[in-house]
Amino acid sequence: MVSIMEIYQLLPKLNCKECEKPTCMAFASSLLSGESEIADCPPLYESGYESQLQELQSLLAPVSGATETGLVIHEELCFGCGNCVVACPVNVANDPHGAALGLAPSNDKVILEVAGGVVTAKNVGECRRFGQNKILCDVCIVTCPSKAIEFV
């Protein structure tokens, strides 16, 4: 997983506020959370920062597909076992006759489902890690044997 310090080290560290953040460290945090984009830092596109920009783009590429909750599914690692689908407490609560029994989800309210041989995220706004009453649930991560799921 990418850390804020890894991102910060690649930024110009000018604290210029052109990104509308008070410091480059705050910008690094907002990049990691998906709140900001690399393009929000104009100095990175100036002469002298080409290598940092390129390294930052490759560093953030794996997390670019993160959902609003920070959920990233690495499809190249997932083999569709469905452990996360069955373990997700929201899936179980929303689908007691499908996902809770280890079957394919029987309704469209679940967060995770296996489609095309890999896990996909739907209804991420229902995830316990989202909204005002956030809970740092990680059941989907710990049950994944291939480490295909992470939160950033």
Protein backbone atom coordinates (compact mmCIF):
# COMPACT_ATOMS: atom_id res chain seq x y z
CA MET A 1 0.00 0.00 0.00
CA VAL A 2 1.20 3.50 -0.82
CA SER A 3 1.96 5.76 2.15
CA ILE A 4 1.48 9.48 2.53
CA MET A 5 5.23 9.88 3.09
CA GLU A 6 6.03 8.17 -0.22
CA ILE A 7 3.74 10.63 -1.99
CA TYR A 8 5.03 13.61 -0.04
CA GLN A 9 8.64 12.82 -0.93
CA LEU A 10 7.76 13.18 -4.63
CA LEU A 11 5.99 16.53 -4.29
CA PRO A 12 7.79 19.87 -4.83
CA LYS A 13 7.39 20.68 -1.10
CA LEU A 14 6.80 24.37 -1.83
CA ASN A 15 3.65 24.72 0.30
CA CYS A 16 2.47 27.14 -2.41
CA LYS A 17 -1.23 26.39 -1.79
CA GLU A 18 -1.96 26.32 -5.54
CA CYS A 19 -3.64 22.96 -4.91
CA GLU A 20 -5.92 24.71 -2.37
CA LYS A 21 -4.39 22.70 0.49
CA PRO A 22 -2.44 24.39 3.30
CA THR A 23 0.67 22.24 2.88
CA CYS A 24 2.19 19.67 0.56
CA MET A 25 1.67 17.08 3.32
CA ALA A 26 -2.07 17.87 3.31
CA PHE A 27 -2.05 17.56 -0.49
CA ALA A 28 -0.31 14.17 -0.22
CA SER A 29 -3.06 13.01 2.12
CA SER A 30 -5.78 14.24 -0.22
CA LEU A 31 -4.08 12.50 -3.16
CA LEU A 32 -4.06 9.22 -1.27
CA SER A 33 -7.71 9.56 -0.28
CA GLY A 34 -8.71 10.37 -3.85
CA GLU A 35 -9.98 13.82 -2.89
CA SER A 36 -7.35 15.49 -5.12
CA GLU A 37 -5.65 14.62 -8.39
CA ILE A 38 -2.00 15.02 -9.36
CA ALA A 39 -3.03 17.72 -11.84
CA ASP A 40 -4.14 19.87 -8.88
CA CYS A 41 -0.44 20.60 -8.23
CA PRO A 42 0.68 22.96 -11.03
CA PRO A 43 4.36 23.10 -9.90
CA LEU A 44 4.69 19.36 -10.65
CA TYR A 45 4.22 20.17 -14.31
CA GLU A 46 7.00 22.74 -14.37
CA SER A 47 10.53 22.11 -15.57
CA GLY A 48 12.65 20.19 -13.10
CA TYR A 49 9.91 17.98 -11.69
CA GLU A 50 9.43 15.61 -14.66
CA SER A 51 10.92 12.55 -12.94
CA GLN A 52 8.95 13.14 -9.73
CA LEU A 53 5.73 13.55 -11.72
CA GLN A 54 6.33 10.33 -13.62
CA GLU A 55 7.19 8.40 -10.43
CA LEU A 56 4.15 9.83 -8.65
CA GLN A 57 1.86 8.81 -11.51
CA SER A 58 3.16 5.23 -11.43
CA LEU A 59 3.01 5.13 -7.62
CA LEU A 60 -0.63 6.22 -7.58
CA ALA A 61 -1.74 4.11 -10.56
CA PRO A 62 -2.79 1.10 -8.43
CA VAL A 63 -5.03 3.24 -6.22
CA SER A 64 -6.55 5.27 -9.04
CA GLY A 65 -9.51 2.87 -9.24
CA ALA A 66 -10.36 3.16 -5.55
CA THR A 67 -14.00 3.59 -4.66
CA GLU A 68 -15.33 6.33 -2.38
CA THR A 69 -14.55 4.12 0.60
CA GLY A 70 -10.94 3.62 -0.49
CA LEU A 71 -11.68 0.06 -1.61
CA VAL A 72 -9.36 -1.25 -4.30
CA ILE A 73 -9.86 -4.63 -5.94
CA HIS A 74 -6.80 -5.92 -7.76
CA GLU A 75 -8.50 -7.95 -10.47
CA GLU A 76 -5.21 -9.50 -11.58
CA LEU A 77 -4.91 -11.17 -8.14
CA CYS A 78 -8.56 -12.15 -7.65
CA PHE A 79 -9.60 -15.65 -8.65
CA GLY A 80 -13.25 -15.29 -7.66
CA CYS A 81 -13.38 -17.50 -4.55
CA GLY A 82 -16.13 -15.30 -3.04
CA ASN A 83 -14.82 -15.39 0.54
CA CYS A 84 -15.23 -11.62 0.80
CA VAL A 85 -18.80 -11.78 -0.48
CA VAL A 86 -19.80 -14.26 2.22
CA ALA A 87 -17.82 -12.55 4.99
CA CYS A 88 -19.00 -8.96 4.41
CA PRO A 89 -21.40 -8.14 7.28
CA VAL A 90 -23.32 -5.69 5.08
CA ASN A 91 -23.76 -8.35 2.41
CA VAL A 92 -25.03 -10.76 5.05
CA ALA A 93 -27.45 -8.21 6.49
CA ASN A 94 -28.74 -7.12 3.07
CA ASP A 95 -28.96 -10.60 1.58
CA PRO A 96 -29.70 -13.25 4.25
CA HIS A 97 -30.86 -15.85 1.71
CA GLY A 98 -28.01 -15.53 -0.78
CA ALA A 99 -24.60 -14.19 0.23
CA ALA A 100 -25.08 -15.16 3.88
CA LEU A 101 -25.43 -18.80 2.89
CA GLY A 102 -22.46 -18.81 0.52
CA LEU A 103 -24.67 -18.56 -2.55
CA ALA A 104 -24.58 -15.90 -5.22
CA PRO A 105 -26.22 -12.68 -4.02
CA SER A 106 -29.95 -12.79 -4.56
CA ASN A 107 -30.56 -9.04 -4.60
CA ASP A 108 -28.92 -5.86 -5.82
CA LYS A 109 -28.20 -4.32 -2.39
CA VAL A 110 -24.94 -6.16 -1.70
CA ILE A 111 -21.54 -4.45 -1.80
CA LEU A 112 -19.39 -7.25 -3.20
CA GLU A 113 -20.22 -9.91 -5.76
CA VAL A 114 -18.35 -12.22 -8.09
CA ALA A 115 -18.91 -11.32 -11.74
CA GLY A 116 -16.89 -12.61 -14.65
CA GLY A 117 -14.65 -14.63 -12.36
CA VAL A 118 -13.54 -11.70 -10.17
CA VAL A 119 -15.00 -9.72 -7.31
CA THR A 120 -16.63 -6.42 -8.18
CA ALA A 121 -17.81 -3.63 -5.91
CA LYS A 122 -21.35 -2.28 -6.05
CA ASN A 123 -23.25 -0.08 -3.63
CA VAL A 124 -20.03 1.03 -1.92
CA GLY A 125 -21.99 3.76 -0.15
CA GLU A 126 -23.38 0.96 2.05
CA CYS A 127 -19.90 -0.08 3.22
CA ARG A 128 -19.25 0.36 6.94
CA ARG A 129 -16.13 2.36 6.06
CA PHE A 130 -18.24 5.06 4.38
CA GLY A 131 -20.49 7.83 5.65
CA GLN A 132 -20.80 9.51 9.01
CA ASN A 133 -20.71 6.38 11.20
CA LYS A 134 -17.50 4.91 9.82
CA ILE A 135 -16.29 1.61 11.24
CA LEU A 136 -12.85 0.36 10.24
CA CYS A 137 -14.16 -3.00 9.09
CA ASP A 138 -11.64 -5.15 7.22
CA VAL A 139 -13.42 -8.50 6.98
CA CYS A 140 -13.22 -8.57 3.20
CA ILE A 141 -9.46 -8.04 3.35
CA VAL A 142 -8.64 -10.65 5.98
CA THR A 143 -10.72 -13.34 4.27
CA CYS A 144 -9.10 -12.81 0.85
CA PRO A 145 -6.51 -15.56 0.29
CA SER A 146 -4.89 -13.78 -2.67
CA LYS A 147 -4.68 -10.29 -1.07
CA ALA A 148 -6.69 -8.87 -3.96
CA ILE A 149 -8.61 -6.40 -1.77
CA GLU A 150 -7.22 -3.42 0.09
CA PHE A 151 -8.33 -0.08 1.44
CA VAL A 152 -6.28 3.02 0.75
